[in-house]
Amino acid sequence: MMRRTFWIALMALAFGGLPAAAQERVVFATDWRAQAEHGGFYQAIAAGLYKARGLDVTLRQGGVGMDPQQLLAAGAIDAAMGSNGYFTLNLVEAGAPVVTVAALFQKDPVILMSHDRPDVNRLADMKGKPIAVGDPTVHTIWRYLKSRYGFEDDQIRKYTFNIAPFLVNKQAIQQGYVTSEPLTATRGGAKPKVFLLADDGYLSYAATIMVRKDLTQKRPAVVRAFVEASIEGWKQYLHGDPTAANALIKRDNPEMDDETLAYARAKLIEYGIVESGDALTLGIGAMTPERWDAFTNQMVALGLYKPGIDWRQGVEFGFLPTP
């Protein structure tokens, strides 16, 4: 029995992993139901990248009523995906013991989308026109749009995450994500024009990895291993065969289909959502103090946060791989 146990352990080490009993458990909450925008994390599961680094990772998909910020602050989970830079600043403002350690998306995939119409060829052309946005957007991104383009609150129409009103109204403009709503509109017979805010000066990171500070202090090797495996997962998902990861996504979210997954992955690549900006020189997941400074100053200037908010209280760079 002793010899058998020894050989099992030896084989596990030979394949880059650890015996199951030695694996560190990590619960990571995503920001919505499983989709291609989480593909790198699912690829890390499918390819055994977390396991090879001694981690037993559970992906807990998000959805209506699930707030990863609150779950992290309360200590209910170890780590979570932040949808954008507001998550980090909100947690700093609240004094929560949470830090952001990587940004998988250099560009926030948020868009405004119109029909193919001659009077809308850039974001500035939307001034004075009705735009459907969700309630959270009114208090964040909309304020950026007002400041940059002179939008007014009387342009706001309520977005209920139902594309039907957009399809029947050829003058409609609505928010969305470059990876999803344009496909839904096309399926409905529309010819959407897509305007990615990140390509027009909007500085927020997205798909961040947020972890509790006590995890960085007590188990820094776990945090580093999770970040490294997630980054490798995104490399593989974008440049390799995504089939295994997509199968796990569809298992967790049966409403997802192959066309939607393929479309979203293609747009992540086409628009450089993951690989652009600092990621081109520093690698996937890159963050810089200059970018965090610029984003925070941008949001303070809009009145979203009080002057003096220190993003450094909620960001740690030491867990990113050295380029």
Protein backbone atom coordinates (compact mmCIF):
# COMPACT_ATOMS: atom_id res chain seq x y z
CA MET A 1 0.00 0.00 0.00
CA MET A 2 2.84 2.38 0.83
CA ARG A 3 4.53 1.70 -2.52
CA ARG A 4 1.23 2.30 -4.39
CA THR A 5 0.72 5.64 -2.59
CA PHE A 6 4.27 6.68 -3.43
CA TRP A 7 3.81 5.98 -7.14
CA ILE A 8 0.49 7.86 -7.27
CA ALA A 9 2.15 10.91 -5.74
CA LEU A 10 5.15 10.62 -8.06
CA MET A 11 2.92 10.41 -11.16
CA ALA A 12 0.93 13.45 -10.05
CA LEU A 13 4.10 15.49 -9.70
CA ALA A 14 5.40 14.26 -13.04
CA PHE A 15 2.31 15.65 -14.74
CA GLY A 16 2.69 19.05 -13.10
CA GLY A 17 0.01 18.65 -10.43
CA LEU A 18 -0.26 17.77 -6.78
CA PRO A 19 -2.06 14.98 -4.94
CA ALA A 20 -5.73 15.88 -4.57
CA ALA A 21 -5.44 16.27 -0.80
CA ALA A 22 -2.76 18.94 -1.26
CA GLN A 23 -4.73 21.11 -3.68
CA GLU A 24 -5.80 24.56 -2.52
CA ARG A 25 -9.49 25.25 -2.99
CA VAL A 26 -10.49 28.56 -4.63
CA VAL A 27 -14.05 29.71 -5.31
CA PHE A 28 -14.15 32.29 -8.12
CA ALA A 29 -17.39 34.06 -8.97
CA THR A 30 -17.93 35.35 -12.49
CA ASP A 31 -20.02 38.44 -13.21
CA TRP A 32 -22.82 36.76 -15.19
CA ARG A 33 -24.03 33.43 -16.48
CA ALA A 34 -21.39 31.37 -18.28
CA GLN A 35 -20.42 32.82 -21.66
CA ALA A 36 -17.43 33.36 -23.96
CA GLU A 37 -16.49 36.45 -21.95
CA HIS A 38 -15.47 33.93 -19.26
CA GLY A 39 -13.81 31.62 -21.76
CA GLY A 40 -10.26 31.86 -20.44
CA PHE A 41 -11.32 30.79 -16.96
CA TYR A 42 -13.24 27.83 -18.35
CA GLN A 43 -10.27 26.93 -20.55
CA ALA A 44 -8.06 26.86 -17.46
CA ILE A 45 -10.48 24.35 -15.95
CA ALA A 46 -10.81 22.28 -19.12
CA ALA A 47 -7.06 22.11 -19.78
CA GLY A 48 -6.17 21.38 -16.16
CA LEU A 49 -4.17 24.59 -15.83
CA TYR A 50 -5.41 25.33 -12.31
CA LYS A 51 -4.99 21.74 -11.24
CA ALA A 52 -1.43 21.64 -12.57
CA ARG A 53 -0.61 24.54 -10.25
CA GLY A 54 -2.08 22.85 -7.21
CA LEU A 55 -5.48 24.56 -7.27
CA ASP A 56 -8.97 23.12 -6.96
CA VAL A 57 -10.96 25.93 -8.59
CA THR A 58 -14.74 26.20 -8.61
CA LEU A 59 -16.27 28.74 -11.01
CA ARG A 60 -19.51 30.10 -9.56
CA GLN A 61 -21.44 31.76 -12.36
CA GLY A 62 -23.20 35.03 -11.72
CA GLY A 63 -26.71 36.11 -12.58
CA VAL A 64 -29.63 38.19 -11.40
CA GLY A 65 -29.39 38.93 -7.69
CA MET A 66 -25.77 37.85 -7.33
CA ASP A 67 -23.32 40.62 -6.41
CA PRO A 68 -19.68 39.49 -6.42
CA GLN A 69 -18.63 42.73 -4.73
CA GLN A 70 -20.80 41.98 -1.71
CA LEU A 71 -19.83 38.32 -1.65
CA LEU A 72 -16.14 39.23 -1.61
CA ALA A 73 -16.53 41.93 1.00
CA ALA A 74 -18.45 39.50 3.21
CA GLY A 75 -15.86 36.76 2.79
CA ALA A 76 -18.33 34.33 1.20
CA ILE A 77 -15.96 33.67 -1.73
CA ASP A 78 -12.21 33.87 -2.30
CA ALA A 79 -12.13 35.74 -5.59
CA ALA A 80 -14.40 37.29 -8.20
CA MET A 81 -14.49 38.78 -11.67
CA GLY A 82 -15.02 42.53 -11.72
CA SER A 83 -17.07 43.71 -14.70
CA ASN A 84 -15.21 47.03 -14.88
CA GLY A 85 -13.04 49.46 -12.98
CA TYR A 86 -15.97 50.74 -10.94
CA PHE A 87 -15.95 47.49 -8.98
CA THR A 88 -12.44 48.25 -7.73
CA LEU A 89 -13.16 51.87 -6.83
CA ASN A 90 -16.47 50.97 -5.18
CA LEU A 91 -14.71 48.49 -2.91
CA VAL A 92 -12.00 51.02 -2.08
CA GLU A 93 -14.66 53.60 -1.24
CA ALA A 94 -16.41 51.08 1.01
CA GLY A 95 -13.16 50.16 2.75
CA ALA A 96 -13.62 46.50 1.82
CA PRO A 97 -10.62 44.17 2.27
CA VAL A 98 -10.39 43.38 -1.44
CA VAL A 99 -7.74 44.03 -4.08
CA THR A 100 -7.65 43.75 -7.87
CA VAL A 101 -4.65 41.73 -9.06
CA ALA A 102 -5.14 41.46 -12.85
CA ALA A 103 -7.23 42.88 -15.69
CA LEU A 104 -7.96 40.28 -18.36
CA PHE A 105 -9.76 42.79 -20.59
CA GLN A 106 -7.77 45.85 -21.63
CA LYS A 107 -10.97 47.23 -23.13
CA ASP A 108 -14.40 47.26 -21.53
CA PRO A 109 -16.64 45.61 -24.19
CA VAL A 110 -19.52 48.03 -23.54
CA ILE A 111 -20.99 49.64 -26.68
CA LEU A 112 -23.71 51.87 -27.98
CA MET A 113 -25.48 50.36 -30.97
CA SER A 114 -27.64 52.01 -33.61
CA HIS A 115 -29.26 50.89 -36.82
CA ASP A 116 -27.45 51.50 -40.10
CA ARG A 117 -28.49 55.13 -40.49
CA PRO A 118 -26.69 58.02 -42.22
CA ASP A 119 -26.98 60.48 -39.33
CA VAL A 120 -25.06 58.33 -36.82
CA ASN A 121 -21.44 57.65 -37.69
CA ARG A 122 -19.75 58.32 -34.35
CA LEU A 123 -20.71 58.58 -30.71
CA ALA A 124 -20.90 62.38 -30.86
CA ASP A 125 -23.65 62.08 -33.48
CA MET A 126 -25.93 60.54 -30.84
CA LYS A 127 -26.30 63.82 -28.94
CA GLY A 128 -29.97 64.69 -28.62
CA LYS A 129 -31.20 61.29 -29.76
CA PRO A 130 -33.07 58.79 -27.52
CA ILE A 131 -30.75 56.11 -26.10
CA ALA A 132 -31.85 53.05 -24.12
CA VAL A 133 -29.58 52.36 -21.13
CA GLY A 134 -29.93 50.26 -17.99
CA ASP A 135 -30.22 51.73 -14.51
CA PRO A 136 -26.60 50.97 -13.46
CA THR A 137 -25.33 52.66 -16.62
CA VAL A 138 -27.22 55.86 -15.83
CA HIS A 139 -25.06 56.37 -12.73
CA THR A 140 -21.72 55.43 -14.33
CA ILE A 141 -21.07 55.30 -18.06
CA TRP A 142 -23.88 57.73 -18.90
CA ARG A 143 -22.16 60.42 -16.85
CA TYR A 144 -19.01 59.85 -18.89
CA LEU A 145 -21.02 60.20 -22.11
CA LYS A 146 -22.64 63.40 -20.84
CA SER A 147 -19.27 64.91 -20.03
CA ARG A 148 -17.55 63.88 -23.26
CA TYR A 149 -20.33 64.36 -25.80
CA GLY A 150 -22.81 66.69 -24.14
CA PHE A 151 -25.54 64.06 -23.83
CA GLU A 152 -28.56 65.10 -21.73
CA ASP A 153 -30.65 63.07 -19.31
CA ASP A 154 -33.80 63.62 -21.37
CA GLN A 155 -32.26 61.33 -24.00
CA ILE A 156 -32.46 58.35 -21.63
CA ARG A 157 -34.89 55.57 -22.38
CA LYS A 158 -35.10 52.58 -20.05
CA TYR A 159 -33.29 49.48 -21.32
CA THR A 160 -34.93 46.28 -20.08
CA PHE A 161 -32.38 43.92 -21.69
CA ASN A 162 -34.96 43.00 -24.31
CA ILE A 163 -33.88 43.73 -27.87
CA ALA A 164 -37.41 43.75 -29.31
CA PRO A 165 -37.92 47.55 -28.97
CA PHE A 166 -34.66 48.11 -30.86
CA LEU A 167 -35.70 45.82 -33.69
CA VAL A 168 -39.03 47.54 -34.33
CA ASN A 169 -37.73 51.12 -34.06
CA LYS A 170 -35.22 52.03 -36.76
CA GLN A 171 -34.32 55.20 -34.87
CA ALA A 172 -33.43 53.30 -31.70
CA ILE A 173 -30.02 53.40 -30.05
CA GLN A 174 -29.17 51.19 -27.08
CA GLN A 175 -26.33 50.02 -24.90
CA GLY A 176 -24.88 46.53 -25.11
CA TYR A 177 -21.67 44.53 -25.37
CA VAL A 178 -19.66 44.15 -28.53
CA THR A 179 -19.70 40.39 -27.96
CA SER A 180 -23.46 39.84 -27.80
CA GLU A 181 -26.11 42.45 -28.68
CA PRO A 182 -24.98 43.00 -32.30
CA LEU A 183 -25.45 39.28 -32.99
CA THR A 184 -28.90 39.29 -31.41
CA ALA A 185 -29.84 42.33 -33.51
CA THR A 186 -28.55 40.69 -36.69
CA ARG A 187 -30.53 37.55 -35.93
CA GLY A 188 -33.59 39.78 -35.67
CA GLY A 189 -33.02 41.21 -39.14
CA ALA A 190 -31.28 44.47 -38.20
CA LYS A 191 -28.01 45.86 -39.53
CA PRO A 192 -26.43 47.32 -36.41
CA LYS A 193 -23.71 49.94 -36.23
CA VAL A 194 -21.41 49.30 -33.29
CA PHE A 195 -19.54 51.95 -31.30
CA LEU A 196 -17.07 50.63 -28.72
CA LEU A 197 -16.60 53.23 -25.99
CA ALA A 198 -13.09 51.95 -25.21
CA ASP A 199 -11.96 52.98 -28.69
CA ASP A 200 -13.12 56.53 -28.02
CA GLY A 201 -11.40 57.38 -24.75
CA TYR A 202 -13.27 55.34 -22.13
CA LEU A 203 -10.50 54.00 -19.88
CA SER A 204 -12.03 51.30 -17.71
CA TYR A 205 -10.40 47.89 -17.45
CA ALA A 206 -12.78 44.92 -17.43
CA ALA A 207 -12.85 41.24 -16.48
CA THR A 208 -10.62 41.94 -13.51
CA ILE A 209 -9.54 39.38 -10.93
CA MET A 210 -10.44 40.60 -7.45
CA VAL A 211 -9.37 38.70 -4.33
CA ARG A 212 -9.65 39.18 -0.62
CA LYS A 213 -6.62 40.83 0.97
CA ASP A 214 -6.26 38.05 3.51
CA LEU A 215 -5.77 35.61 0.65
CA THR A 216 -2.90 37.70 -0.72
CA GLN A 217 -1.35 37.86 2.73
CA LYS A 218 -1.84 34.29 3.94
CA ARG A 219 -1.70 32.38 0.64
CA PRO A 220 0.15 34.56 -1.88
CA ALA A 221 1.29 31.52 -3.85
CA VAL A 222 -2.36 30.58 -4.41
CA VAL A 223 -3.17 34.03 -5.79
CA ARG A 224 -0.13 33.98 -8.07
CA ALA A 225 -0.97 30.49 -9.33
CA PHE A 226 -4.58 31.48 -10.02
CA VAL A 227 -3.53 34.59 -11.96
CA GLU A 228 -0.93 32.69 -13.99
CA ALA A 229 -3.30 29.85 -14.87
CA SER A 230 -6.09 32.29 -15.81
CA ILE A 231 -3.76 34.21 -18.11
CA GLU A 232 -2.63 30.99 -19.76
CA GLY A 233 -6.28 29.97 -20.06
CA TRP A 234 -7.07 33.15 -21.97
CA LYS A 235 -4.10 32.61 -24.29
CA GLN A 236 -5.32 29.13 -25.09
CA TYR A 237 -8.96 30.13 -25.46
CA LEU A 238 -8.18 32.88 -27.96
CA HIS A 239 -5.41 31.18 -29.92
CA GLY A 240 -6.14 27.47 -29.53
CA ASP A 241 -9.13 25.17 -29.72
CA PRO A 242 -11.95 26.50 -27.49
CA THR A 243 -14.12 23.39 -27.83
CA ALA A 244 -13.51 21.94 -24.36
CA ALA A 245 -14.01 25.28 -22.61
CA ASN A 246 -17.18 25.96 -24.61
CA ALA A 247 -18.54 22.58 -23.60
CA LEU A 248 -18.14 23.53 -19.93
CA ILE A 249 -19.77 26.90 -20.58
CA LYS A 250 -22.77 25.20 -22.20
CA ARG A 251 -22.95 22.74 -19.32
CA ASP A 252 -23.21 25.60 -16.82
CA ASN A 253 -25.45 27.70 -19.06
CA PRO A 254 -27.62 25.50 -21.32
CA GLU A 255 -29.06 28.60 -23.02
CA MET A 256 -25.69 29.25 -24.64
CA ASP A 257 -25.19 27.98 -28.22
CA ASP A 258 -22.21 27.43 -30.51
CA GLU A 259 -22.95 30.39 -32.78
CA THR A 260 -23.11 32.83 -29.90
CA LEU A 261 -19.89 31.49 -28.39
CA ALA A 262 -18.05 31.63 -31.71
CA TYR A 263 -19.29 35.15 -32.40
CA ALA A 264 -18.26 36.44 -28.97
CA ARG A 265 -14.82 34.86 -29.16
CA ALA A 266 -14.28 36.33 -32.63
CA LYS A 267 -15.20 39.81 -31.39
CA LEU A 268 -12.89 39.51 -28.39
CA ILE A 269 -10.10 38.93 -30.90
CA GLU A 270 -11.22 41.44 -33.55
CA TYR A 271 -11.54 44.37 -31.14
CA GLY A 272 -8.47 43.51 -29.05
CA ILE A 273 -10.55 43.25 -25.90
CA VAL A 274 -7.93 41.03 -24.24
CA GLU A 275 -4.82 41.73 -26.28
CA SER A 276 -4.29 45.43 -26.88
CA GLY A 277 -2.74 48.40 -25.12
CA ASP A 278 -0.33 47.46 -22.35
CA ALA A 279 -1.06 43.76 -22.82
CA LEU A 280 0.86 43.88 -26.11
CA THR A 281 4.11 44.55 -24.24
CA LEU A 282 3.39 43.44 -20.66
CA GLY A 283 1.24 40.40 -21.43
CA ILE A 284 -2.40 39.43 -20.90
CA GLY A 285 -3.75 40.65 -17.58
CA ALA A 286 -1.56 43.75 -17.53
CA MET A 287 -2.38 46.78 -15.40
CA THR A 288 -0.39 49.99 -14.98
CA PRO A 289 -0.45 52.77 -12.37
CA GLU A 290 -0.79 55.32 -15.17
CA ARG A 291 -3.98 53.71 -16.46
CA TRP A 292 -5.51 53.42 -13.00
CA ASP A 293 -4.60 57.05 -12.32
CA ALA A 294 -6.20 58.21 -15.55
CA PHE A 295 -9.40 56.21 -15.04
CA THR A 296 -9.78 57.30 -11.42
CA ASN A 297 -9.17 60.96 -12.29
CA GLN A 298 -11.69 60.67 -15.12
CA MET A 299 -14.34 59.35 -12.74
CA VAL A 300 -13.55 61.85 -9.96
CA ALA A 301 -13.91 64.67 -12.49
CA LEU A 302 -17.39 63.36 -13.29
CA GLY A 303 -18.31 63.40 -9.62
CA LEU A 304 -18.67 59.64 -9.32
CA TYR A 305 -16.08 59.51 -6.53
CA LYS A 306 -14.76 62.02 -4.03
CA PRO A 307 -11.42 63.70 -4.69
CA GLY A 308 -8.64 61.87 -2.90
CA ILE A 309 -9.97 58.35 -3.42
CA ASP A 310 -6.85 56.19 -3.56
CA TRP A 311 -7.13 53.35 -6.07
CA ARG A 312 -3.83 52.01 -4.69
CA GLN A 313 -5.74 50.72 -1.68
CA GLY A 314 -7.54 48.33 -4.00
CA VAL A 315 -4.91 47.29 -6.55
CA GLU A 316 -1.83 45.06 -6.27
CA PHE A 317 0.54 44.54 -9.20
CA GLY A 318 2.85 41.95 -7.64
CA PHE A 319 0.86 38.91 -8.70
CA LEU A 320 1.21 39.52 -12.43
CA PRO A 321 3.87 37.52 -14.26
CA THR A 322 7.05 39.40 -15.17
CA PRO A 323 7.09 39.99 -18.95
